Each structure stands twice: as C-alpha cells, then as structure tokens.
Amino acid sequence: MIERKTFIDFGNNQDHSIDYLLGIFEDARATTLQRVEGISTEELHWQYAEGWNTIGVLLSHIIAIGHCFRITCIEERDLTEEEGKQWNPSMEMGQYIPQLITDQPIDFYWSELEISQVKLFNAIKKIDKDKFLKKDEGFNMAWTLYHAAEDEVHHRGQISILRKLYKARTLSS
C-alpha cells in the first residue's frame, strides 16, 4: 500500500518554499495513487455516460499537467509539435475523451505518473527564489505550481466519485 508522508522535510533545497511545495506534490500524488491502487482495467476505463471522463482519462490529464506545467512555466518554452500532439488531448479532454480511453492497465498510468513527477520535481529543484516569486501577468511561479497540485487534488475527487458510481452501477446490475 502507498503510504503518505506526514512530515515535510525542509533544508533539501535552496529555498524552504520549494521544499514545502514538493511536500504538497508528494502528498497529493501519494493520495491519488491510494485512490487507484488495485483498480481493474475495466473500472479504470468505465464511463458513467457518453462524454464523461474515465479514471484513466483523469490520470492522463494529471500526467499531462505535470509535463505541460514543467515545459511552459519552468522551462519557459512552447510545446514542440510532437509534445503538443502527445499532451494537448489529455490537457483538454472533452472532445478527445474517446481517444484517451486506451484500455491500458493501471501499471501504465503509475509508470507515466512517476516519469511526469520526477521530471517536474527535477525542474522545480532548479528554480531559484527570484524566479519562484517573480510576478508575471498577475501571478507568480509559486501560485502556478500550487495550482498544478490543486488540479490533481480536484481530479482525485472526481476519481473517487467515479469509483463510487462504478461500484453502485455494478452492484445494481
């Protein structure tokens, strides 16, 4: 079972704010993984109704958020054409939901979540305090990265609801 760390280590990075932010990301991810641990492939890709997200689609979105925030906000560059083709459907979901339902097993998503998080953490650790706090178009990097963690927590709530709907639907059939 995935365990949550209930202590955020400080002093690992040049700024305690970075340590705190990474602690938030780590806890958000651990809790997300707890919610999907042991999920079947059928439940992972089950759709409550046409046009609804699946748990797999939401995990794809969480993966894409990590990559896109790292690339556009930390690396400060546009997605390449290849990156856009890879990540934009998962960022937008909506019309792309049918192509995002892949029948991949949970291990695929766990691996991709790990890759995304490691790359994001490595990029965050390189941010200096000035870049972290610099105000740009009404927000700063600290808020942007907090929002990425908040987005995962929001979608984890949707995952929990979908799991309850799946169980209710399968019990009534």
N, C-alpha and C. Protein backbone atom coordinates (compact mmCIF):
# COMPACT_ATOMS: atom_id res chain seq x y z
N MET A 1 0.84 -1.19 0.00
CA MET A 1 0.00 0.00 0.00
C MET A 1 0.88 1.25 0.00
N ILE A 2 0.47 2.23 -0.76
CA ILE A 2 1.16 3.51 -0.82
C ILE A 2 0.95 4.23 0.51
N GLU A 3 2.03 4.73 1.09
CA GLU A 3 1.91 5.46 2.34
C GLU A 3 2.16 6.94 2.12
N ARG A 4 1.38 7.73 2.81
CA ARG A 4 1.58 9.17 2.78
C ARG A 4 2.67 9.55 3.77
N LYS A 5 3.50 10.50 3.37
CA LYS A 5 4.48 11.05 4.30
C LYS A 5 3.76 12.12 5.10
N THR A 6 3.85 12.05 6.40
CA THR A 6 3.16 13.03 7.24
C THR A 6 4.13 14.05 7.81
N PHE A 7 5.29 14.13 7.19
CA PHE A 7 6.30 15.10 7.61
C PHE A 7 6.97 15.64 6.37
N ILE A 8 6.99 16.95 6.21
CA ILE A 8 7.66 17.57 5.07
C ILE A 8 9.07 17.94 5.51
N ASP A 9 10.05 17.40 4.79
CA ASP A 9 11.45 17.69 5.08
C ASP A 9 11.82 19.07 4.55
N PHE A 10 12.50 19.85 5.38
CA PHE A 10 12.99 21.16 4.97
C PHE A 10 14.51 21.14 4.96
N GLY A 11 15.09 21.96 4.12
CA GLY A 11 16.54 22.06 4.04
C GLY A 11 17.14 21.22 2.92
N ASN A 12 16.29 20.59 2.11
CA ASN A 12 16.79 19.78 0.99
C ASN A 12 17.09 20.63 -0.25
N ASN A 13 16.48 21.80 -0.33
CA ASN A 13 16.63 22.66 -1.50
C ASN A 13 17.07 24.04 -1.06
N GLN A 14 17.40 24.87 -2.03
CA GLN A 14 17.93 26.20 -1.73
C GLN A 14 16.91 27.09 -1.02
N ASP A 15 15.64 26.77 -1.13
CA ASP A 15 14.59 27.60 -0.55
C ASP A 15 13.58 26.67 0.13
N HIS A 16 13.22 26.98 1.36
CA HIS A 16 12.23 26.16 2.08
C HIS A 16 10.88 26.15 1.39
N SER A 17 10.58 27.20 0.64
CA SER A 17 9.32 27.24 -0.11
C SER A 17 9.26 26.11 -1.13
N ILE A 18 10.39 25.79 -1.74
CA ILE A 18 10.47 24.69 -2.71
C ILE A 18 10.25 23.37 -1.97
N ASP A 19 10.87 23.22 -0.81
CA ASP A 19 10.67 22.00 -0.01
C ASP A 19 9.19 21.81 0.32
N TYR A 20 8.54 22.90 0.72
CA TYR A 20 7.14 22.85 1.09
C TYR A 20 6.27 22.46 -0.11
N LEU A 21 6.52 23.09 -1.25
CA LEU A 21 5.77 22.80 -2.46
C LEU A 21 5.95 21.34 -2.89
N LEU A 22 7.17 20.84 -2.85
CA LEU A 22 7.42 19.44 -3.21
C LEU A 22 6.71 18.50 -2.25
N GLY A 23 6.65 18.87 -0.97
CA GLY A 23 5.91 18.08 0.01
C GLY A 23 4.43 18.01 -0.33
N ILE A 24 3.88 19.13 -0.78
CA ILE A 24 2.47 19.16 -1.19
C ILE A 24 2.26 18.25 -2.39
N PHE A 25 3.14 18.35 -3.39
CA PHE A 25 3.05 17.49 -4.57
C PHE A 25 3.16 16.01 -4.21
N GLU A 26 4.11 15.69 -3.33
CA GLU A 26 4.30 14.29 -2.93
C GLU A 26 3.05 13.74 -2.25
N ASP A 27 2.46 14.53 -1.38
CA ASP A 27 1.27 14.06 -0.67
C ASP A 27 0.07 13.93 -1.62
N ALA A 28 -0.08 14.90 -2.50
CA ALA A 28 -1.17 14.83 -3.48
C ALA A 28 -1.03 13.55 -4.32
N ARG A 29 0.18 13.25 -4.75
CA ARG A 29 0.39 12.07 -5.59
C ARG A 29 0.18 10.77 -4.80
N ALA A 30 0.69 10.72 -3.58
CA ALA A 30 0.50 9.51 -2.78
C ALA A 30 -0.98 9.23 -2.59
N THR A 31 -1.75 10.26 -2.32
CA THR A 31 -3.18 10.07 -2.11
C THR A 31 -3.88 9.67 -3.41
N THR A 32 -3.46 10.23 -4.53
CA THR A 32 -4.02 9.83 -5.83
C THR A 32 -3.74 8.34 -6.07
N LEU A 33 -2.51 7.92 -5.83
CA LEU A 33 -2.16 6.52 -6.03
C LEU A 33 -2.94 5.60 -5.09
N GLN A 34 -3.18 6.05 -3.87
CA GLN A 34 -4.01 5.26 -2.95
C GLN A 34 -5.41 5.05 -3.52
N ARG A 35 -5.96 6.09 -4.15
CA ARG A 35 -7.33 6.01 -4.68
C ARG A 35 -7.47 5.00 -5.82
N VAL A 36 -6.38 4.76 -6.56
CA VAL A 36 -6.48 3.87 -7.71
C VAL A 36 -5.73 2.55 -7.53
N GLU A 37 -5.14 2.37 -6.38
CA GLU A 37 -4.39 1.14 -6.13
C GLU A 37 -5.32 -0.06 -6.28
N GLY A 38 -4.89 -1.02 -7.06
CA GLY A 38 -5.66 -2.25 -7.24
C GLY A 38 -6.87 -2.14 -8.15
N ILE A 39 -7.05 -1.03 -8.82
CA ILE A 39 -8.21 -0.83 -9.70
C ILE A 39 -8.10 -1.76 -10.92
N SER A 40 -9.22 -2.29 -11.35
CA SER A 40 -9.22 -3.14 -12.54
C SER A 40 -9.16 -2.27 -13.79
N THR A 41 -8.71 -2.87 -14.89
CA THR A 41 -8.67 -2.15 -16.16
C THR A 41 -10.09 -1.77 -16.59
N GLU A 42 -11.03 -2.64 -16.32
CA GLU A 42 -12.43 -2.33 -16.67
C GLU A 42 -12.91 -1.08 -15.94
N GLU A 43 -12.67 -1.01 -14.64
CA GLU A 43 -13.11 0.16 -13.87
C GLU A 43 -12.34 1.41 -14.29
N LEU A 44 -11.07 1.25 -14.58
CA LEU A 44 -10.22 2.37 -14.99
C LEU A 44 -10.76 3.07 -16.24
N HIS A 45 -11.37 2.31 -17.13
CA HIS A 45 -11.84 2.87 -18.40
C HIS A 45 -13.36 2.90 -18.52
N TRP A 46 -14.05 2.63 -17.43
CA TRP A 46 -15.51 2.65 -17.43
C TRP A 46 -16.00 4.09 -17.51
N GLN A 47 -17.02 4.30 -18.32
CA GLN A 47 -17.60 5.62 -18.50
C GLN A 47 -19.02 5.61 -17.95
N TYR A 48 -19.30 6.50 -17.03
CA TYR A 48 -20.64 6.60 -16.45
C TYR A 48 -21.68 6.89 -17.53
N ALA A 49 -21.35 7.79 -18.42
CA ALA A 49 -22.23 8.14 -19.54
C ALA A 49 -21.34 8.67 -20.67
N GLU A 50 -21.86 8.66 -21.87
CA GLU A 50 -21.09 9.15 -23.01
C GLU A 50 -20.64 10.60 -22.75
N GLY A 51 -19.37 10.85 -23.06
CA GLY A 51 -18.80 12.18 -22.87
C GLY A 51 -18.20 12.41 -21.50
N TRP A 52 -18.44 11.50 -20.56
CA TRP A 52 -17.87 11.64 -19.22
C TRP A 52 -16.42 11.20 -19.23
N ASN A 53 -15.63 11.80 -18.34
CA ASN A 53 -14.26 11.34 -18.13
C ASN A 53 -14.29 9.95 -17.51
N THR A 54 -13.23 9.21 -17.77
CA THR A 54 -13.00 7.96 -17.07
C THR A 54 -11.86 8.21 -16.09
N ILE A 55 -11.61 7.27 -15.23
CA ILE A 55 -10.49 7.42 -14.31
C ILE A 55 -9.18 7.46 -15.10
N GLY A 56 -9.07 6.64 -16.13
CA GLY A 56 -7.89 6.65 -16.98
C GLY A 56 -7.68 8.00 -17.66
N VAL A 57 -8.76 8.61 -18.13
CA VAL A 57 -8.66 9.93 -18.76
C VAL A 57 -8.17 10.95 -17.74
N LEU A 58 -8.70 10.89 -16.53
CA LEU A 58 -8.28 11.83 -15.49
C LEU A 58 -6.81 11.63 -15.12
N LEU A 59 -6.36 10.38 -15.07
CA LEU A 59 -4.95 10.12 -14.79
C LEU A 59 -4.08 10.64 -15.94
N SER A 60 -4.54 10.48 -17.18
CA SER A 60 -3.82 11.03 -18.32
C SER A 60 -3.70 12.55 -18.21
N HIS A 61 -4.77 13.17 -17.74
CA HIS A 61 -4.76 14.62 -17.55
C HIS A 61 -3.74 15.03 -16.48
N ILE A 62 -3.72 14.32 -15.38
CA ILE A 62 -2.76 14.62 -14.31
C ILE A 62 -1.33 14.47 -14.82
N ILE A 63 -1.08 13.44 -15.61
CA ILE A 63 0.24 13.23 -16.21
C ILE A 63 0.59 14.41 -17.11
N ALA A 64 -0.35 14.79 -17.97
CA ALA A 64 -0.10 15.89 -18.92
C ALA A 64 0.14 17.22 -18.20
N ILE A 65 -0.60 17.45 -17.12
CA ILE A 65 -0.40 18.69 -16.33
C ILE A 65 1.05 18.80 -15.89
N GLY A 66 1.60 17.71 -15.36
CA GLY A 66 3.00 17.74 -14.91
C GLY A 66 3.95 18.10 -16.03
N HIS A 67 3.77 17.47 -17.19
CA HIS A 67 4.65 17.75 -18.32
C HIS A 67 4.46 19.17 -18.84
N CYS A 68 3.21 19.58 -19.03
CA CYS A 68 2.95 20.89 -19.64
C CYS A 68 3.35 22.04 -18.72
N PHE A 69 3.08 21.93 -17.42
CA PHE A 69 3.50 22.98 -16.50
C PHE A 69 5.02 23.07 -16.47
N ARG A 70 5.69 21.93 -16.47
CA ARG A 70 7.16 21.94 -16.47
C ARG A 70 7.68 22.63 -17.73
N ILE A 71 7.16 22.25 -18.86
CA ILE A 71 7.66 22.78 -20.13
C ILE A 71 7.34 24.26 -20.28
N THR A 72 6.08 24.63 -20.10
CA THR A 72 5.68 26.02 -20.39
C THR A 72 6.04 27.00 -19.27
N CYS A 73 5.95 26.57 -18.03
CA CYS A 73 6.17 27.50 -16.92
C CYS A 73 7.60 27.50 -16.40
N ILE A 74 8.20 26.34 -16.27
CA ILE A 74 9.55 26.28 -15.70
C ILE A 74 10.61 26.41 -16.79
N GLU A 75 10.45 25.61 -17.85
CA GLU A 75 11.42 25.70 -18.96
C GLU A 75 11.14 26.93 -19.83
N GLU A 76 9.98 27.53 -19.66
CA GLU A 76 9.56 28.73 -20.37
C GLU A 76 9.69 28.61 -21.88
N ARG A 77 9.08 27.56 -22.40
CA ARG A 77 9.07 27.37 -23.84
C ARG A 77 7.73 26.80 -24.25
N ASP A 78 7.43 26.92 -25.53
CA ASP A 78 6.21 26.32 -26.06
C ASP A 78 6.44 24.82 -26.23
N LEU A 79 5.34 24.08 -26.21
CA LEU A 79 5.44 22.66 -26.51
C LEU A 79 5.91 22.50 -27.96
N THR A 80 6.75 21.51 -28.20
CA THR A 80 7.10 21.20 -29.59
C THR A 80 5.86 20.61 -30.25
N GLU A 81 5.89 20.47 -31.55
CA GLU A 81 4.75 19.88 -32.25
C GLU A 81 4.47 18.47 -31.72
N GLU A 82 5.51 17.70 -31.52
CA GLU A 82 5.37 16.33 -31.01
C GLU A 82 4.79 16.34 -29.58
N GLU A 83 5.30 17.23 -28.73
CA GLU A 83 4.78 17.33 -27.36
C GLU A 83 3.31 17.76 -27.38
N GLY A 84 2.97 18.68 -28.26
CA GLY A 84 1.59 19.12 -28.37
C GLY A 84 0.67 17.98 -28.75
N LYS A 85 1.08 17.18 -29.71
CA LYS A 85 0.27 16.02 -30.12
C LYS A 85 0.14 15.02 -28.97
N GLN A 86 1.19 14.89 -28.19
CA GLN A 86 1.17 13.93 -27.09
C GLN A 86 0.34 14.42 -25.90
N TRP A 87 0.47 15.70 -25.51
CA TRP A 87 -0.10 16.17 -24.26
C TRP A 87 -1.39 16.98 -24.39
N ASN A 88 -1.60 17.69 -25.50
CA ASN A 88 -2.79 18.53 -25.60
C ASN A 88 -4.12 17.78 -25.47
N PRO A 89 -4.30 16.61 -26.08
CA PRO A 89 -5.57 15.91 -25.88
C PRO A 89 -5.87 15.62 -24.40
N SER A 90 -4.84 15.22 -23.67
CA SER A 90 -5.04 14.94 -22.23
C SER A 90 -5.24 16.21 -21.42
N MET A 91 -4.66 17.31 -21.87
CA MET A 91 -4.88 18.59 -21.19
C MET A 91 -6.31 19.05 -21.40
N GLU A 92 -6.81 18.92 -22.62
CA GLU A 92 -8.12 19.44 -22.95
C GLU A 92 -9.25 18.47 -22.62
N MET A 93 -9.01 17.19 -22.72
CA MET A 93 -10.02 16.13 -22.54
C MET A 93 -11.19 16.38 -23.48
N GLY A 94 -12.41 16.63 -22.98
CA GLY A 94 -13.56 16.96 -23.81
C GLY A 94 -13.70 16.10 -25.05
N GLN A 95 -13.52 16.71 -26.22
CA GLN A 95 -13.69 16.01 -27.49
C GLN A 95 -12.69 14.86 -27.67
N TYR A 96 -11.60 14.87 -26.90
CA TYR A 96 -10.57 13.85 -27.04
C TYR A 96 -10.80 12.62 -26.16
N ILE A 97 -11.84 12.66 -25.34
CA ILE A 97 -12.08 11.54 -24.42
C ILE A 97 -12.08 10.18 -25.13
N PRO A 98 -12.79 10.02 -26.25
CA PRO A 98 -12.78 8.69 -26.88
C PRO A 98 -11.37 8.17 -27.20
N GLN A 99 -10.48 9.03 -27.67
CA GLN A 99 -9.12 8.56 -28.00
C GLN A 99 -8.27 8.36 -26.75
N LEU A 100 -8.69 8.93 -25.62
CA LEU A 100 -7.93 8.77 -24.38
C LEU A 100 -8.33 7.51 -23.61
N ILE A 101 -9.40 6.87 -24.02
CA ILE A 101 -9.81 5.60 -23.41
C ILE A 101 -9.04 4.50 -24.13
N THR A 102 -7.96 4.06 -23.53
CA THR A 102 -6.97 3.22 -24.21
C THR A 102 -6.97 1.76 -23.78
N ASP A 103 -7.66 1.43 -22.73
CA ASP A 103 -7.63 0.08 -22.15
C ASP A 103 -6.26 -0.31 -21.59
N GLN A 104 -5.42 0.69 -21.32
CA GLN A 104 -4.13 0.43 -20.67
C GLN A 104 -4.39 0.01 -19.22
N PRO A 105 -3.57 -0.87 -18.65
CA PRO A 105 -3.72 -1.25 -17.24
C PRO A 105 -3.19 -0.15 -16.31
N ILE A 106 -3.52 -0.25 -15.06
CA ILE A 106 -3.11 0.76 -14.08
C ILE A 106 -1.60 0.90 -14.01
N ASP A 107 -0.85 -0.17 -14.23
CA ASP A 107 0.62 -0.09 -14.19
C ASP A 107 1.16 0.92 -15.20
N PHE A 108 0.53 1.02 -16.36
CA PHE A 108 0.93 2.00 -17.37
C PHE A 108 0.82 3.41 -16.79
N TYR A 109 -0.31 3.71 -16.16
CA TYR A 109 -0.53 5.05 -15.60
C TYR A 109 0.41 5.33 -14.44
N TRP A 110 0.65 4.33 -13.59
CA TRP A 110 1.58 4.52 -12.48
C TRP A 110 2.96 4.90 -12.99
N SER A 111 3.40 4.20 -14.04
CA SER A 111 4.71 4.47 -14.61
C SER A 111 4.77 5.88 -15.19
N GLU A 112 3.74 6.26 -15.94
CA GLU A 112 3.70 7.60 -16.53
C GLU A 112 3.58 8.70 -15.47
N LEU A 113 2.83 8.44 -14.41
CA LEU A 113 2.74 9.39 -13.30
C LEU A 113 4.11 9.59 -12.66
N GLU A 114 4.85 8.51 -12.50
CA GLU A 114 6.19 8.59 -11.92
C GLU A 114 7.14 9.39 -12.80
N ILE A 115 7.13 9.11 -14.09
CA ILE A 115 8.00 9.83 -15.04
C ILE A 115 7.69 11.33 -15.00
N SER A 116 6.41 11.65 -15.07
CA SER A 116 5.98 13.05 -15.07
C SER A 116 6.42 13.75 -13.78
N GLN A 117 6.23 13.08 -12.65
CA GLN A 117 6.57 13.69 -11.37
C GLN A 117 8.07 13.87 -11.21
N VAL A 118 8.84 12.89 -11.59
CA VAL A 118 10.31 13.00 -11.46
C VAL A 118 10.82 14.17 -12.31
N LYS A 119 10.34 14.28 -13.55
CA LYS A 119 10.78 15.38 -14.41
C LYS A 119 10.35 16.73 -13.83
N LEU A 120 9.12 16.80 -13.32
CA LEU A 120 8.64 18.05 -12.72
C LEU A 120 9.46 18.40 -11.49
N PHE A 121 9.71 17.44 -10.60
CA PHE A 121 10.48 17.70 -9.39
C PHE A 121 11.90 18.15 -9.72
N ASN A 122 12.54 17.50 -10.68
CA ASN A 122 13.90 17.91 -11.06
C ASN A 122 13.91 19.34 -11.57
N ALA A 123 12.89 19.72 -12.33
CA ALA A 123 12.80 21.10 -12.83
C ALA A 123 12.53 22.08 -11.69
N ILE A 124 11.63 21.72 -10.78
CA ILE A 124 11.30 22.60 -9.65
C ILE A 124 12.54 22.85 -8.80
N LYS A 125 13.34 21.83 -8.57
CA LYS A 125 14.53 21.96 -7.73
C LYS A 125 15.56 22.93 -8.31
N LYS A 126 15.46 23.22 -9.59
CA LYS A 126 16.40 24.13 -10.24
C LYS A 126 15.91 25.58 -10.23
N ILE A 127 14.69 25.81 -9.77
CA ILE A 127 14.13 27.16 -9.74
C ILE A 127 14.80 27.96 -8.63
N ASP A 128 15.27 29.16 -8.95
CA ASP A 128 15.82 30.00 -7.89
C ASP A 128 14.69 30.84 -7.28
N LYS A 129 14.99 31.43 -6.14
CA LYS A 129 13.97 32.16 -5.40
C LYS A 129 13.38 33.31 -6.22
N ASP A 130 14.21 34.02 -6.98
CA ASP A 130 13.70 35.13 -7.78
C ASP A 130 12.68 34.66 -8.81
N LYS A 131 12.99 33.57 -9.49
CA LYS A 131 12.06 33.03 -10.50
C LYS A 131 10.79 32.51 -9.82
N PHE A 132 10.94 31.92 -8.67
CA PHE A 132 9.82 31.35 -7.93
C PHE A 132 8.82 32.43 -7.52
N LEU A 133 9.32 33.60 -7.16
CA LEU A 133 8.46 34.67 -6.64
C LEU A 133 8.13 35.76 -7.66
N LYS A 134 8.80 35.77 -8.82
CA LYS A 134 8.60 36.82 -9.82
C LYS A 134 7.15 36.85 -10.30
N LYS A 135 6.55 38.04 -10.24
CA LYS A 135 5.18 38.23 -10.70
C LYS A 135 5.19 38.36 -12.22
N ASP A 136 4.34 37.57 -12.87
CA ASP A 136 4.27 37.57 -14.33
C ASP A 136 2.81 37.47 -14.75
N GLU A 137 2.29 38.50 -15.36
CA GLU A 137 0.90 38.53 -15.83
C GLU A 137 -0.11 38.24 -14.71
N GLY A 138 0.12 38.79 -13.53
CA GLY A 138 -0.84 38.68 -12.45
C GLY A 138 -0.67 37.47 -11.53
N PHE A 139 0.34 36.65 -11.76
CA PHE A 139 0.59 35.50 -10.89
C PHE A 139 2.08 35.23 -10.86
N ASN A 140 2.49 34.41 -9.92
CA ASN A 140 3.91 34.04 -9.87
C ASN A 140 4.06 32.52 -9.98
N MET A 141 5.29 32.07 -10.11
CA MET A 141 5.58 30.65 -10.26
C MET A 141 5.07 29.86 -9.07
N ALA A 142 5.17 30.42 -7.88
CA ALA A 142 4.69 29.73 -6.68
C ALA A 142 3.20 29.41 -6.82
N TRP A 143 2.40 30.37 -7.28
CA TRP A 143 0.97 30.14 -7.44
C TRP A 143 0.72 29.13 -8.55
N THR A 144 1.44 29.26 -9.65
CA THR A 144 1.27 28.36 -10.79
C THR A 144 1.51 26.91 -10.37
N LEU A 145 2.57 26.67 -9.64
CA LEU A 145 2.89 25.31 -9.22
C LEU A 145 1.91 24.82 -8.16
N TYR A 146 1.50 25.70 -7.26
CA TYR A 146 0.47 25.32 -6.30
C TYR A 146 -0.79 24.89 -7.06
N HIS A 147 -1.14 25.64 -8.11
CA HIS A 147 -2.33 25.32 -8.90
C HIS A 147 -2.21 23.94 -9.54
N ALA A 148 -1.02 23.54 -9.96
CA ALA A 148 -0.83 22.20 -10.54
C ALA A 148 -1.15 21.13 -9.50
N ALA A 149 -0.69 21.33 -8.26
CA ALA A 149 -1.01 20.37 -7.20
C ALA A 149 -2.50 20.40 -6.89
N GLU A 150 -3.08 21.58 -6.84
CA GLU A 150 -4.52 21.73 -6.59
C GLU A 150 -5.34 21.02 -7.66
N ASP A 151 -4.91 21.10 -8.90
CA ASP A 151 -5.61 20.45 -10.01
C ASP A 151 -5.64 18.94 -9.80
N GLU A 152 -4.53 18.37 -9.37
CA GLU A 152 -4.50 16.92 -9.11
C GLU A 152 -5.48 16.56 -8.01
N VAL A 153 -5.50 17.34 -6.95
CA VAL A 153 -6.42 17.06 -5.84
C VAL A 153 -7.87 17.14 -6.32
N HIS A 154 -8.18 18.14 -7.13
CA HIS A 154 -9.53 18.29 -7.68
C HIS A 154 -9.92 17.05 -8.49
N HIS A 155 -9.04 16.61 -9.37
CA HIS A 155 -9.35 15.45 -10.21
C HIS A 155 -9.37 14.16 -9.41
N ARG A 156 -8.62 14.10 -8.32
CA ARG A 156 -8.68 12.92 -7.45
C ARG A 156 -10.07 12.81 -6.83
N GLY A 157 -10.70 13.95 -6.54
CA GLY A 157 -12.08 13.92 -6.05
C GLY A 157 -13.01 13.35 -7.10
N GLN A 158 -12.79 13.71 -8.36
CA GLN A 158 -13.60 13.13 -9.44
C GLN A 158 -13.37 11.63 -9.55
N ILE A 159 -12.13 11.21 -9.37
CA ILE A 159 -11.80 9.78 -9.41
C ILE A 159 -12.58 9.06 -8.30
N SER A 160 -12.61 9.63 -7.12
CA SER A 160 -13.34 9.00 -6.01
C SER A 160 -14.83 8.87 -6.33
N ILE A 161 -15.40 9.90 -6.93
CA ILE A 161 -16.82 9.85 -7.30
C ILE A 161 -17.06 8.79 -8.36
N LEU A 162 -16.19 8.73 -9.38
CA LEU A 162 -16.34 7.72 -10.42
C LEU A 162 -16.24 6.31 -9.86
N ARG A 163 -15.36 6.10 -8.90
CA ARG A 163 -15.24 4.78 -8.28
C ARG A 163 -16.53 4.41 -7.55
N LYS A 164 -17.14 5.37 -6.87
CA LYS A 164 -18.40 5.11 -6.18
C LYS A 164 -19.52 4.83 -7.17
N LEU A 165 -19.58 5.59 -8.26
CA LEU A 165 -20.60 5.36 -9.29
C LEU A 165 -20.41 3.99 -9.94
N TYR A 166 -19.18 3.60 -10.19
CA TYR A 166 -18.91 2.30 -10.79
C TYR A 166 -19.39 1.18 -9.87
N LYS A 167 -19.06 1.29 -8.60
CA LYS A 167 -19.48 0.25 -7.65
C LYS A 167 -21.00 0.20 -7.53
N ALA A 168 -21.65 1.35 -7.48
CA ALA A 168 -23.10 1.39 -7.39
C ALA A 168 -23.73 0.78 -8.65
N ARG A 169 -23.19 1.09 -9.79
CA ARG A 169 -23.73 0.58 -11.06
C ARG A 169 -23.53 -0.91 -11.17
N THR A 170 -22.35 -1.40 -10.78
CA THR A 170 -22.09 -2.84 -10.91
C THR A 170 -22.85 -3.64 -9.87
N LEU A 171 -23.12 -3.07 -8.71
CA LEU A 171 -23.91 -3.77 -7.68
C LEU A 171 -25.38 -3.87 -8.08
N SER A 172 -25.86 -2.88 -8.84
CA SER A 172 -27.27 -2.89 -9.22
C SER A 172 -27.53 -3.69 -10.49
N SER A 173 -26.46 -4.12 -11.19
CA SER A 173 -26.68 -4.90 -12.42
C SER A 173 -26.83 -6.37 -12.15
